[in-house]
Structures are given as C-alpha cells and as structure tokens.
Amino acid sequence: MFIKVKVFPDSKKEEIIKKEDDRFEIKVREKAEGGLANKKVIEILAKYLNVPEEKIILVRGAKQRNKIFEIHK
C-alpha cells in the first residue's frame, strides 16, 4: 500500500490529519535537517497505522515536503 504525505516540519505541535484513505498531512516539531523530520513522520505513521516502523519505507521525497511511503503489513 502506498500513501502520500505532506509534511510540515518545525511546527508548534505534532499532528496527523487524514485527508483521504491514502493522503495525510503531518505536522512535526523537528526541523527538516539530517532526516530528523522524516524519522519522526515514520514514527507517527507507525503509531497511527499500528504497524512497526520497519514496515514503513520512504519511496519518494526524502528532501521534499510531499512524500510517498510504502506500507508493508
């Protein structure tokens, strides 16, 4: 399963907003430096989808706001 995520790094609060079945907006406190925001996004997605972090792979958008993740269940 693939999902599209729009990330808002350096936000005041952490939040996940489901736009559609396969589209999310995620706000994280971490800055977009050194992959910190990406790691936090994976952590938040894992909790939300109830899957281990190892099952979530960043496919596209490592250095962009719009990302595509592949989820293995």
Protein backbone atom coordinates (compact mmCIF):
# COMPACT_ATOMS: atom_id res chain seq x y z
CA MET A 1 0.00 0.00 0.00
CA PHE A 2 1.28 3.47 -0.89
CA ILE A 3 0.32 6.67 0.91
CA LYS A 4 1.03 10.30 0.10
CA VAL A 5 2.11 12.59 2.92
CA LYS A 6 2.56 16.34 3.02
CA VAL A 7 4.94 17.18 5.88
CA PHE A 8 5.07 20.43 7.82
CA PRO A 9 8.40 20.44 9.71
CA ASP A 10 9.24 22.83 12.56
CA SER A 11 5.57 23.06 13.64
CA LYS A 12 4.44 24.09 17.11
CA LYS A 13 2.61 20.81 17.68
CA GLU A 14 2.64 17.28 16.29
CA GLU A 15 -0.49 16.32 14.42
CA ILE A 16 -1.68 13.88 11.77
CA ILE A 17 -4.61 14.81 9.54
CA LYS A 18 -6.22 12.23 7.26
CA LYS A 19 -7.32 13.90 4.01
CA GLU A 20 -8.29 10.72 2.11
CA ASP A 21 -7.69 6.99 2.54
CA ASP A 22 -4.19 7.34 1.09
CA ARG A 23 -3.39 11.03 1.78
CA PHE A 24 -2.23 12.60 5.03
CA GLU A 25 -0.84 15.86 6.34
CA ILE A 26 1.59 15.52 9.22
CA LYS A 27 2.98 18.30 11.38
CA VAL A 28 6.18 17.61 13.31
CA ARG A 29 8.29 19.67 15.69
CA GLU A 30 11.59 18.50 14.21
CA LYS A 31 13.40 20.63 11.67
CA ALA A 32 13.94 19.33 8.14
CA GLU A 33 17.65 18.73 8.75
CA GLY A 34 19.54 15.46 8.64
CA GLY A 35 16.41 13.38 8.14
CA LEU A 36 15.04 14.18 11.61
CA ALA A 37 11.61 15.17 10.32
CA ASN A 38 11.42 12.05 8.13
CA LYS A 39 12.22 9.81 11.11
CA LYS A 40 9.50 11.47 13.18
CA VAL A 41 6.98 11.15 10.34
CA ILE A 42 7.69 7.41 10.13
CA GLU A 43 7.27 7.12 13.90
CA ILE A 44 3.92 8.96 13.80
CA LEU A 45 2.67 6.91 10.83
CA ALA A 46 3.66 3.66 12.55
CA LYS A 47 1.64 4.57 15.64
CA TYR A 48 -1.35 5.77 13.61
CA LEU A 49 -1.44 2.74 11.28
CA ASN A 50 -0.47 0.31 14.06
CA VAL A 51 2.46 -1.19 12.14
CA PRO A 52 6.17 -1.47 13.09
CA GLU A 53 8.40 1.37 11.89
CA GLU A 54 10.45 -1.16 9.89
CA LYS A 55 7.40 -1.80 7.67
CA ILE A 56 7.28 1.85 6.50
CA ILE A 57 9.61 2.80 3.64
CA LEU A 58 10.12 6.28 2.23
CA VAL A 59 9.88 5.78 -1.53
CA ARG A 60 9.98 9.35 -2.83
CA GLY A 61 10.51 12.84 -1.44
CA ALA A 62 13.32 12.47 1.11
CA LYS A 63 14.20 16.15 0.72
CA GLN A 64 10.79 17.48 -0.24
CA ARG A 65 7.62 18.34 1.62
CA ASN A 66 5.47 15.93 -0.43
CA LYS A 67 6.45 12.31 0.20
CA ILE A 68 5.32 8.84 -0.79
CA PHE A 69 5.61 5.99 1.69
CA GLU A 70 5.15 2.27 1.10
CA ILE A 71 3.50 0.38 3.95
CA HIS A 72 4.09 -3.38 4.31
CA LYS A 73 1.61 -5.13 6.57
